[in-house]
Amino acid sequence: MLDEERQYFSEHGDELRRQHPGKFVIIHGQTVAGAFATQEEALGFGAREFGLSSFLVRNVEQRADIEVTVPALALGLLRADPSHPVRD
C-alpha cells in the first residue's frame, strides 16, 4: 500500500524540500497534490479530494525511510463510513 507514493517521496525528497520547506505534502500516485502548513490541513484536503482512495501525507523534512504505522488501521479496526460525505 502506498508503495508508488513512498518511492516518489524518496526519489524527489530534495526537490520537495527546496520547493516546500517545512510543509506537509500530499502525494497521490506520482503527483504532488498540494503542500500545507499543518498535517491536519493536508489530511482534510486529501479526504475531500481523494475520498477513500489512498494518498500519502509527509512532512518534507521527514526522512523517507521512516515508517509510520497506524495499528488500528492495519488491524482493520479503523474504518471509513462511505455513506457520509466528507465536509470542511
Protein backbone atom coordinates (compact mmCIF):
# COMPACT_ATOMS: atom_id res chain seq x y z
CA MET A 1 0.00 0.00 0.00
CA LEU A 2 1.34 3.44 -0.99
CA ASP A 3 4.49 1.90 -2.49
CA GLU A 4 4.32 4.19 -5.53
CA GLU A 5 3.87 7.30 -3.37
CA ARG A 6 6.66 6.34 -0.97
CA GLN A 7 9.00 5.70 -3.88
CA TYR A 8 8.14 9.12 -5.35
CA PHE A 9 8.80 10.81 -1.98
CA SER A 10 12.12 9.01 -1.66
CA GLU A 11 13.25 9.95 -5.18
CA HIS A 12 12.09 13.59 -5.04
CA GLY A 13 12.80 14.45 -1.38
CA ASP A 14 15.48 17.06 -2.11
CA GLU A 15 13.29 18.78 -4.69
CA LEU A 16 10.28 18.76 -2.33
CA ARG A 17 12.35 20.27 0.50
CA ARG A 18 13.51 23.09 -1.81
CA GLN A 19 10.02 23.81 -3.18
CA HIS A 20 8.01 23.36 0.03
CA PRO A 21 10.29 23.90 3.07
CA GLY A 22 8.69 22.75 6.31
CA LYS A 23 5.39 21.83 4.64
CA PHE A 24 3.29 18.67 4.62
CA VAL A 25 2.84 17.39 1.08
CA ILE A 26 0.17 15.11 -0.31
CA ILE A 27 1.33 12.62 -2.89
CA HIS A 28 -1.20 10.67 -4.93
CA GLY A 29 0.38 8.28 -7.40
CA GLN A 30 3.29 10.17 -8.97
CA THR A 31 1.75 13.60 -8.35
CA VAL A 32 2.18 16.16 -5.59
CA ALA A 33 -1.42 17.21 -5.00
CA GLY A 34 -0.64 20.01 -2.54
CA ALA A 35 1.57 21.42 0.21
CA PHE A 36 0.17 22.56 3.56
CA ALA A 37 1.38 24.22 6.75
CA THR A 38 -0.15 21.56 9.01
CA GLN A 39 -0.80 17.85 8.85
CA GLU A 40 -4.47 18.48 9.67
CA GLU A 41 -4.88 20.76 6.64
CA ALA A 42 -3.20 18.18 4.42
CA LEU A 43 -5.35 15.32 5.71
CA GLY A 44 -8.54 17.36 5.32
CA PHE A 45 -7.67 18.25 1.74
CA GLY A 46 -6.74 14.65 0.94
CA ALA A 47 -10.01 13.31 2.35
CA ARG A 48 -12.06 15.83 0.35
CA GLU A 49 -10.06 15.39 -2.86
CA PHE A 50 -9.50 11.63 -2.88
CA GLY A 51 -12.20 10.23 -0.61
CA LEU A 52 -11.45 6.59 0.15
CA SER A 53 -8.51 6.40 -2.29
CA SER A 54 -5.04 6.10 -0.79
CA PHE A 55 -2.75 9.12 -0.57
CA LEU A 56 0.48 9.85 1.28
CA VAL A 57 0.96 12.79 3.66
CA ARG A 58 4.55 13.51 4.69
CA ASN A 59 6.43 16.43 6.12
CA VAL A 60 9.14 17.22 3.58
CA GLU A 61 11.71 17.33 6.39
CA GLN A 62 10.90 13.73 7.37
CA ARG A 63 13.36 11.08 6.23
CA ALA A 64 11.95 8.83 3.52
CA ASP A 65 12.98 5.64 5.31
CA ILE A 66 10.89 6.25 8.44
CA GLU A 67 7.84 4.00 8.56
CA VAL A 68 4.69 5.26 10.23
CA THR A 69 2.05 2.70 11.10
CA VAL A 70 -1.44 3.02 12.47
CA PRO A 71 -2.19 -0.25 14.29
CA ALA A 72 -5.97 0.29 14.29
CA LEU A 73 -5.90 0.78 10.52
CA ALA A 74 -3.58 -2.16 9.89
CA LEU A 75 -5.78 -4.44 12.02
CA GLY A 76 -8.98 -3.31 10.30
CA LEU A 77 -10.35 -1.65 13.43
CA LEU A 78 -10.43 1.81 11.87
CA ARG A 79 -12.88 2.09 9.00
CA ALA A 80 -14.31 4.90 6.93
CA ASP A 81 -18.07 5.29 6.56
CA PRO A 82 -18.53 5.97 2.83
CA SER A 83 -22.26 6.68 3.29
CA HIS A 84 -21.43 10.07 4.82
CA PRO A 85 -19.68 12.68 2.65
CA VAL A 86 -16.53 14.36 3.95
CA ARG A 87 -17.12 18.04 4.71
CA ASP A 88 -14.98 21.06 5.60
